[in-house]
Amino acid sequence: MAKRTGKEVELKKLTASLREFAASLPTEADKQELDRSVGAIIEFLSRVQRLGATAPSRENAAAFEGALRSLDQFAEHAKTNPGIAALLGIPQPRPSRPKSAPYTADEAAAAQRLLAEMQTLPIDQIRSRLQDEATLPLRMLQALASQLGIRSNQRMGRDVLEHQIASKISNYRGYQGLRAGTEGP
C-alpha cells in the first residue's frame, strides 16, 4: 500500500474548499433577485436625484417671497371686502347693536310704584295686568324687570318678560311666607 504524502492531504483540502465554494454559489433565482434589488435601489436613487434637481434653492427664494407678499396683500384686501372675505371664509365683524337707553328717573319711579302695587295683588291679577299692552308698554315692562333684578335684552319677547316678572313676585311671596311660617296668597 502506498503511503500518503502531505501534498495529497493538501489537495483533498483544496478540493473540499472548492466544493464548499461551488455549493455557496448563487442560484439563477438568487441572481435574478439580486438584479431586481439592485434595480430598485438604482431607481430610488434616480428619483432622489430628480427631486434634488427640481427642489427650490435659495436663488429661487426671491420669486417665492414675492408670491407670499402677494398673498398677504390679498388677505388684507379680503378683510375690507366682504365679498372676498365670504369666499375665503373669513368672518366679518358684526356691527354692535345699540343698547337701550337707560331708564329715566320718571320711568324708574313709575316702575317702583307699579312693583309696590303688584306685590299686593293676587298672582292671577298680576299676570293679567302684565299682559295688558295698552296700559303697560314694553318699555315699562322692561323697567319693572330691571327693578326686580331680571336682566332683559332687545330680543327677549314680552311673554317671557311677563312670565319672569310674575314668577319673581310669586317666589318672593313664597320665601316671605316661609320665613313667617305661613303661606302667602
C-alpha atoms as a PDB file:
ATOM      1  CA  MET A   1       0.000   0.000   0.000  1.00  0.00           C
ATOM      2  CA  ALA A   2       1.252   3.389  -0.906  1.00  0.00           C
ATOM      3  CA  LYS A   3       1.973   5.889   1.655  1.00  0.00           C
ATOM      4  CA  ARG A   4       0.105   9.138   1.582  1.00  0.00           C
ATOM      5  CA  THR A   5       2.062  12.296   1.302  1.00  0.00           C
ATOM      6  CA  GLY A   6       1.300  15.735   2.709  1.00  0.00           C
ATOM      7  CA  LYS A   7       0.622  17.054  -0.768  1.00  0.00           C
ATOM      8  CA  GLU A   8      -2.236  14.634  -1.242  1.00  0.00           C
ATOM      9  CA  VAL A   9      -3.866  15.853   2.013  1.00  0.00           C
ATOM     10  CA  GLU A  10      -3.485  19.442   0.862  1.00  0.00           C
ATOM     11  CA  LEU A  11      -5.087  18.586  -2.451  1.00  0.00           C
ATOM     12  CA  LYS A  12      -8.028  16.987  -0.668  1.00  0.00           C
ATOM     13  CA  LYS A  13      -8.446  20.162   1.450  1.00  0.00           C
ATOM     14  CA  LEU A  14      -8.353  22.257  -1.697  1.00  0.00           C
ATOM     15  CA  THR A  15     -10.986  20.158  -3.431  1.00  0.00           C
ATOM     16  CA  ALA A  16     -13.170  20.237  -0.302  1.00  0.00           C
ATOM     17  CA  SER A  17     -12.857  24.031  -0.195  1.00  0.00           C
ATOM     18  CA  LEU A  18     -13.715  24.258  -3.878  1.00  0.00           C
ATOM     19  CA  ARG A  19     -16.780  22.034  -3.324  1.00  0.00           C
ATOM     20  CA  GLU A  20     -17.940  24.358  -0.495  1.00  0.00           C
ATOM     21  CA  PHE A  21     -17.381  27.331  -2.754  1.00  0.00           C
ATOM     22  CA  ALA A  22     -19.390  25.713  -5.560  1.00  0.00           C
ATOM     23  CA  ALA A  23     -22.214  24.912  -3.112  1.00  0.00           C
ATOM     24  CA  SER A  24     -22.299  28.542  -1.950  1.00  0.00           C
ATOM     25  CA  LEU A  25     -22.634  29.982  -5.457  1.00  0.00           C
ATOM     26  CA  PRO A  26     -25.969  31.721  -6.037  1.00  0.00           C
ATOM     27  CA  THR A  27     -28.712  30.030  -7.978  1.00  0.00           C
ATOM     28  CA  GLU A  28     -30.289  31.627 -11.032  1.00  0.00           C
ATOM     29  CA  ALA A  29     -33.238  32.714  -8.835  1.00  0.00           C
ATOM     30  CA  ASP A  30     -30.787  34.337  -6.361  1.00  0.00           C
ATOM     31  CA  LYS A  31     -29.082  36.200  -9.203  1.00  0.00           C
ATOM     32  CA  GLN A  32     -32.449  37.435 -10.537  1.00  0.00           C
ATOM     33  CA  GLU A  33     -33.474  38.622  -7.029  1.00  0.00           C
ATOM     34  CA  LEU A  34     -30.144  40.441  -6.658  1.00  0.00           C
ATOM     35  CA  ASP A  35     -30.682  42.073 -10.056  1.00  0.00           C
ATOM     36  CA  ARG A  36     -34.206  43.205  -9.040  1.00  0.00           C
ATOM     37  CA  SER A  37     -32.964  44.587  -5.699  1.00  0.00           C
ATOM     38  CA  VAL A  38     -30.090  46.491  -7.292  1.00  0.00           C
ATOM     39  CA  GLY A  39     -32.520  47.825  -9.943  1.00  0.00           C
ATOM     40  CA  ALA A  40     -34.909  49.049  -7.236  1.00  0.00           C
ATOM     41  CA  ILE A  41     -32.071  50.806  -5.409  1.00  0.00           C
ATOM     42  CA  ILE A  42     -30.909  52.438  -8.652  1.00  0.00           C
ATOM     43  CA  GLU A  43     -34.491  53.595  -9.417  1.00  0.00           C
ATOM     44  CA  PHE A  44     -34.866  55.042  -5.901  1.00  0.00           C
ATOM     45  CA  LEU A  45     -31.581  56.932  -6.141  1.00  0.00           C
ATOM     46  CA  SER A  46     -32.539  58.213  -9.620  1.00  0.00           C
ATOM     47  CA  ARG A  47     -35.824  59.553  -8.178  1.00  0.00           C
ATOM     48  CA  VAL A  48     -33.938  61.245  -5.343  1.00  0.00           C
ATOM     49  CA  GLN A  49     -31.595  62.766  -7.907  1.00  0.00           C
ATOM     50  CA  ARG A  50     -34.535  64.091  -9.993  1.00  0.00           C
ATOM     51  CA  LEU A  51     -36.216  65.536  -6.883  1.00  0.00           C
ATOM     52  CA  GLY A  52     -32.993  67.194  -5.843  1.00  0.00           C
ATOM     53  CA  ALA A  53     -32.692  68.818  -9.256  1.00  0.00           C
ATOM     54  CA  THR A  54     -36.247  70.210  -9.128  1.00  0.00           C
ATOM     55  CA  ALA A  55     -36.209  71.339  -5.451  1.00  0.00           C
ATOM     56  CA  PRO A  56     -36.182  75.110  -4.973  1.00  0.00           C
ATOM     57  CA  SER A  57     -32.938  76.747  -3.978  1.00  0.00           C
ATOM     58  CA  ARG A  58     -32.086  79.971  -2.191  1.00  0.00           C
ATOM     59  CA  GLU A  59     -31.719  81.593  -5.567  1.00  0.00           C
ATOM     60  CA  ASN A  60     -35.412  80.825  -6.224  1.00  0.00           C
ATOM     61  CA  ALA A  61     -36.454  82.297  -2.856  1.00  0.00           C
ATOM     62  CA  ALA A  62     -36.957  85.807  -4.291  1.00  0.00           C
ATOM     63  CA  ALA A  63     -39.816  84.631  -6.505  1.00  0.00           C
ATOM     64  CA  PHE A  64     -41.271  82.690  -3.582  1.00  0.00           C
ATOM     65  CA  GLU A  65     -41.055  85.753  -1.322  1.00  0.00           C
ATOM     66  CA  GLY A  66     -42.856  87.835  -3.958  1.00  0.00           C
ATOM     67  CA  ALA A  67     -45.664  85.289  -4.108  1.00  0.00           C
ATOM     68  CA  LEU A  68     -46.001  85.393  -0.313  1.00  0.00           C
ATOM     69  CA  ARG A  69     -46.222  89.214  -0.365  1.00  0.00           C
ATOM     70  CA  SER A  70     -48.979  88.990  -2.965  1.00  0.00           C
ATOM     71  CA  LEU A  71     -50.886  86.544  -0.753  1.00  0.00           C
ATOM     72  CA  ASP A  72     -50.509  88.875   2.251  1.00  0.00           C
ATOM     73  CA  GLN A  73     -51.849  91.802   0.208  1.00  0.00           C
ATOM     74  CA  PHE A  74     -54.777  89.694  -0.972  1.00  0.00           C
ATOM     75  CA  ALA A  75     -55.565  88.714   2.639  1.00  0.00           C
ATOM     76  CA  GLU A  76     -55.518  92.382   3.689  1.00  0.00           C
ATOM     77  CA  HIS A  77     -57.817  93.255   0.787  1.00  0.00           C
ATOM     78  CA  ALA A  78     -60.162  90.426   1.821  1.00  0.00           C
ATOM     79  CA  LYS A  79     -60.538  91.994   5.282  1.00  0.00           C
ATOM     80  CA  THR A  80     -62.009  95.140   3.760  1.00  0.00           C
ATOM     81  CA  ASN A  81     -64.020  93.471   1.005  1.00  0.00           C
ATOM     82  CA  PRO A  82     -66.968  91.474   2.396  1.00  0.00           C
ATOM     83  CA  GLY A  83     -67.434  89.532  -0.854  1.00  0.00           C
ATOM     84  CA  ILE A  84     -63.879  88.207  -0.943  1.00  0.00           C
ATOM     85  CA  ALA A  85     -63.940  87.585   2.808  1.00  0.00           C
ATOM     86  CA  ALA A  86     -67.094  85.490   2.449  1.00  0.00           C
ATOM     87  CA  LEU A  87     -65.483  83.438  -0.347  1.00  0.00           C
ATOM     88  CA  LEU A  88     -62.425  82.781   1.804  1.00  0.00           C
ATOM     89  CA  GLY A  89     -64.490  82.049   4.923  1.00  0.00           C
ATOM     90  CA  ILE A  90     -63.105  84.993   6.890  1.00  0.00           C
ATOM     91  CA  PRO A  91     -65.692  86.115   9.468  1.00  0.00           C
ATOM     92  CA  GLN A  92     -66.643  89.753   9.236  1.00  0.00           C
ATOM     93  CA  PRO A  93     -67.022  91.861  12.358  1.00  0.00           C
ATOM     94  CA  ARG A  94     -70.637  92.462  13.151  1.00  0.00           C
ATOM     95  CA  PRO A  95     -71.782  95.929  13.990  1.00  0.00           C
ATOM     96  CA  SER A  96     -72.697  96.202  17.634  1.00  0.00           C
ATOM     97  CA  ARG A  97     -76.332  96.606  18.414  1.00  0.00           C
ATOM     98  CA  PRO A  98     -77.311  99.815  20.085  1.00  0.00           C
ATOM     99  CA  LYS A  99     -78.022  99.324  23.764  1.00  0.00           C
ATOM    100  CA  SER A 100     -81.329 100.506  25.036  1.00  0.00           C
ATOM    101  CA  ALA A 101     -81.199 103.854  26.725  1.00  0.00           C
ATOM    102  CA  PRO A 102     -81.069 103.709  30.495  1.00  0.00           C
ATOM    103  CA  TYR A 103     -84.349 104.282  32.249  1.00  0.00           C
ATOM    104  CA  THR A 104     -85.124 107.850  33.189  1.00  0.00           C
ATOM    105  CA  ALA A 105     -85.786 108.791  36.782  1.00  0.00           C
ATOM    106  CA  ASP A 106     -89.500 109.044  35.958  1.00  0.00           C
ATOM    107  CA  GLU A 107     -89.540 105.570  34.387  1.00  0.00           C
ATOM    108  CA  ALA A 108     -87.684 104.091  37.361  1.00  0.00           C
ATOM    109  CA  ALA A 109     -90.064 105.756  39.825  1.00  0.00           C
ATOM    110  CA  ALA A 110     -93.117 104.577  37.871  1.00  0.00           C
ATOM    111  CA  ALA A 111     -91.700 101.024  37.788  1.00  0.00           C
ATOM    112  CA  GLN A 112     -91.129 101.193  41.554  1.00  0.00           C
ATOM    113  CA  ARG A 113     -94.732 102.294  42.157  1.00  0.00           C
ATOM    114  CA  LEU A 114     -96.036  99.572  39.841  1.00  0.00           C
ATOM    115  CA  LEU A 115     -93.985  96.946  41.680  1.00  0.00           C
ATOM    116  CA  ALA A 116     -95.335  98.081  45.062  1.00  0.00           C
ATOM    117  CA  GLU A 117     -98.875  97.898  43.676  1.00  0.00           C
ATOM    118  CA  MET A 118     -98.365  94.441  42.123  1.00  0.00           C
ATOM    119  CA  GLN A 119     -96.950  92.964  45.305  1.00  0.00           C
ATOM    120  CA  THR A 120    -100.367  93.405  46.937  1.00  0.00           C
ATOM    121  CA  LEU A 121    -102.330  91.750  44.087  1.00  0.00           C
ATOM    122  CA  PRO A 122    -103.109  88.028  43.732  1.00  0.00           C
ATOM    123  CA  ILE A 123    -100.902  86.237  41.194  1.00  0.00           C
ATOM    124  CA  ASP A 124    -103.713  85.875  38.610  1.00  0.00           C
ATOM    125  CA  GLN A 125    -104.336  89.634  38.635  1.00  0.00           C
ATOM    126  CA  ILE A 126    -100.592  90.268  38.322  1.00  0.00           C
ATOM    127  CA  ARG A 127    -100.445  88.082  35.218  1.00  0.00           C
ATOM    128  CA  SER A 128    -103.488  89.736  33.594  1.00  0.00           C
ATOM    129  CA  ARG A 129    -102.124  93.198  34.411  1.00  0.00           C
ATOM    130  CA  LEU A 130     -98.741  92.346  32.876  1.00  0.00           C
ATOM    131  CA  GLN A 131    -100.451  91.092  29.696  1.00  0.00           C
ATOM    132  CA  ASP A 132    -102.358  94.350  29.159  1.00  0.00           C
ATOM    133  CA  GLU A 133    -100.265  96.028  26.435  1.00  0.00           C
ATOM    134  CA  ALA A 134    -102.484  99.137  26.372  1.00  0.00           C
ATOM    135  CA  THR A 135    -101.739 100.168  29.963  1.00  0.00           C
ATOM    136  CA  LEU A 136     -98.286  98.579  30.291  1.00  0.00           C
ATOM    137  CA  PRO A 137     -95.971  99.213  27.287  1.00  0.00           C
ATOM    138  CA  LEU A 138     -92.901  97.036  26.717  1.00  0.00           C
ATOM    139  CA  ARG A 139     -90.507  99.761  27.915  1.00  0.00           C
ATOM    140  CA  MET A 140     -92.334  99.929  31.271  1.00  0.00           C
ATOM    141  CA  LEU A 141     -92.301  96.126  31.477  1.00  0.00           C
ATOM    142  CA  GLN A 142     -88.531  96.187  30.937  1.00  0.00           C
ATOM    143  CA  ALA A 143     -88.112  98.877  33.613  1.00  0.00           C
ATOM    144  CA  LEU A 144     -90.151  96.736  36.015  1.00  0.00           C
ATOM    145  CA  ALA A 145     -87.960  93.719  35.224  1.00  0.00           C
ATOM    146  CA  SER A 146     -84.916  95.862  35.914  1.00  0.00           C
ATOM    147  CA  GLN A 147     -86.350  96.828  39.332  1.00  0.00           C
ATOM    148  CA  LEU A 148     -86.667  93.107  40.132  1.00  0.00           C
ATOM    149  CA  GLY A 149     -83.101  92.358  39.030  1.00  0.00           C
ATOM    150  CA  ILE A 150     -84.186  90.495  35.890  1.00  0.00           C
ATOM    151  CA  ARG A 151     -81.824  91.032  33.006  1.00  0.00           C
ATOM    152  CA  SER A 152     -83.642  91.595  29.753  1.00  0.00           C
ATOM    153  CA  ASN A 153     -82.458  92.296  26.239  1.00  0.00           C
ATOM    154  CA  GLN A 154     -83.968  93.540  22.980  1.00  0.00           C
ATOM    155  CA  ARG A 155     -84.604  90.024  21.678  1.00  0.00           C
ATOM    156  CA  MET A 156     -86.491  88.851  24.747  1.00  0.00           C
ATOM    157  CA  GLY A 157     -90.192  88.643  23.983  1.00  0.00           C
ATOM    158  CA  ARG A 158     -92.921  90.256  26.022  1.00  0.00           C
ATOM    159  CA  ASP A 159     -94.387  86.912  27.074  1.00  0.00           C
ATOM    160  CA  VAL A 160     -91.030  85.796  28.515  1.00  0.00           C
ATOM    161  CA  LEU A 161     -90.703  89.020  30.493  1.00  0.00           C
ATOM    162  CA  GLU A 162     -94.272  88.726  31.804  1.00  0.00           C
ATOM    163  CA  HIS A 163     -93.626  85.175  32.968  1.00  0.00           C
ATOM    164  CA  GLN A 164     -90.312  86.064  34.651  1.00  0.00           C
ATOM    165  CA  ILE A 165     -91.796  89.070  36.471  1.00  0.00           C
ATOM    166  CA  ALA A 166     -94.816  87.110  37.721  1.00  0.00           C
ATOM    167  CA  SER A 167     -92.566  84.223  38.815  1.00  0.00           C
ATOM    168  CA  LYS A 168     -90.180  86.554  40.631  1.00  0.00           C
ATOM    169  CA  ILE A 169     -93.011  88.236  42.573  1.00  0.00           C
ATOM    170  CA  SER A 170     -94.616  84.858  43.367  1.00  0.00           C
ATOM    171  CA  ASN A 171     -91.306  83.363  44.524  1.00  0.00           C
ATOM    172  CA  TYR A 172     -90.616  86.392  46.705  1.00  0.00           C
ATOM    173  CA  ARG A 173     -94.002  85.968  48.385  1.00  0.00           C
ATOM    174  CA  GLY A 174     -93.343  82.257  48.911  1.00  0.00           C
ATOM    175  CA  TYR A 175     -89.998  82.963  50.590  1.00  0.00           C
ATOM    176  CA  GLN A 176     -91.588  85.640  52.802  1.00  0.00           C
ATOM    177  CA  GLY A 177     -94.310  83.156  53.801  1.00  0.00           C
ATOM    178  CA  LEU A 178     -91.747  80.512  54.668  1.00  0.00           C
ATOM    179  CA  ARG A 179     -89.836  82.953  56.818  1.00  0.00           C
ATOM    180  CA  ALA A 180     -93.021  83.979  58.626  1.00  0.00           C
ATOM    181  CA  GLY A 181     -94.199  80.388  58.905  1.00  0.00           C
ATOM    182  CA  THR A 182     -97.286  80.886  56.749  1.00  0.00           C
ATOM    183  CA  GLU A 183     -98.103  80.544  53.106  1.00  0.00           C
ATOM    184  CA  GLY A 184     -98.717  83.654  51.031  1.00  0.00           C
ATOM    185  CA  PRO A 185    -101.704  84.215  48.692  1.00  0.00           C
END
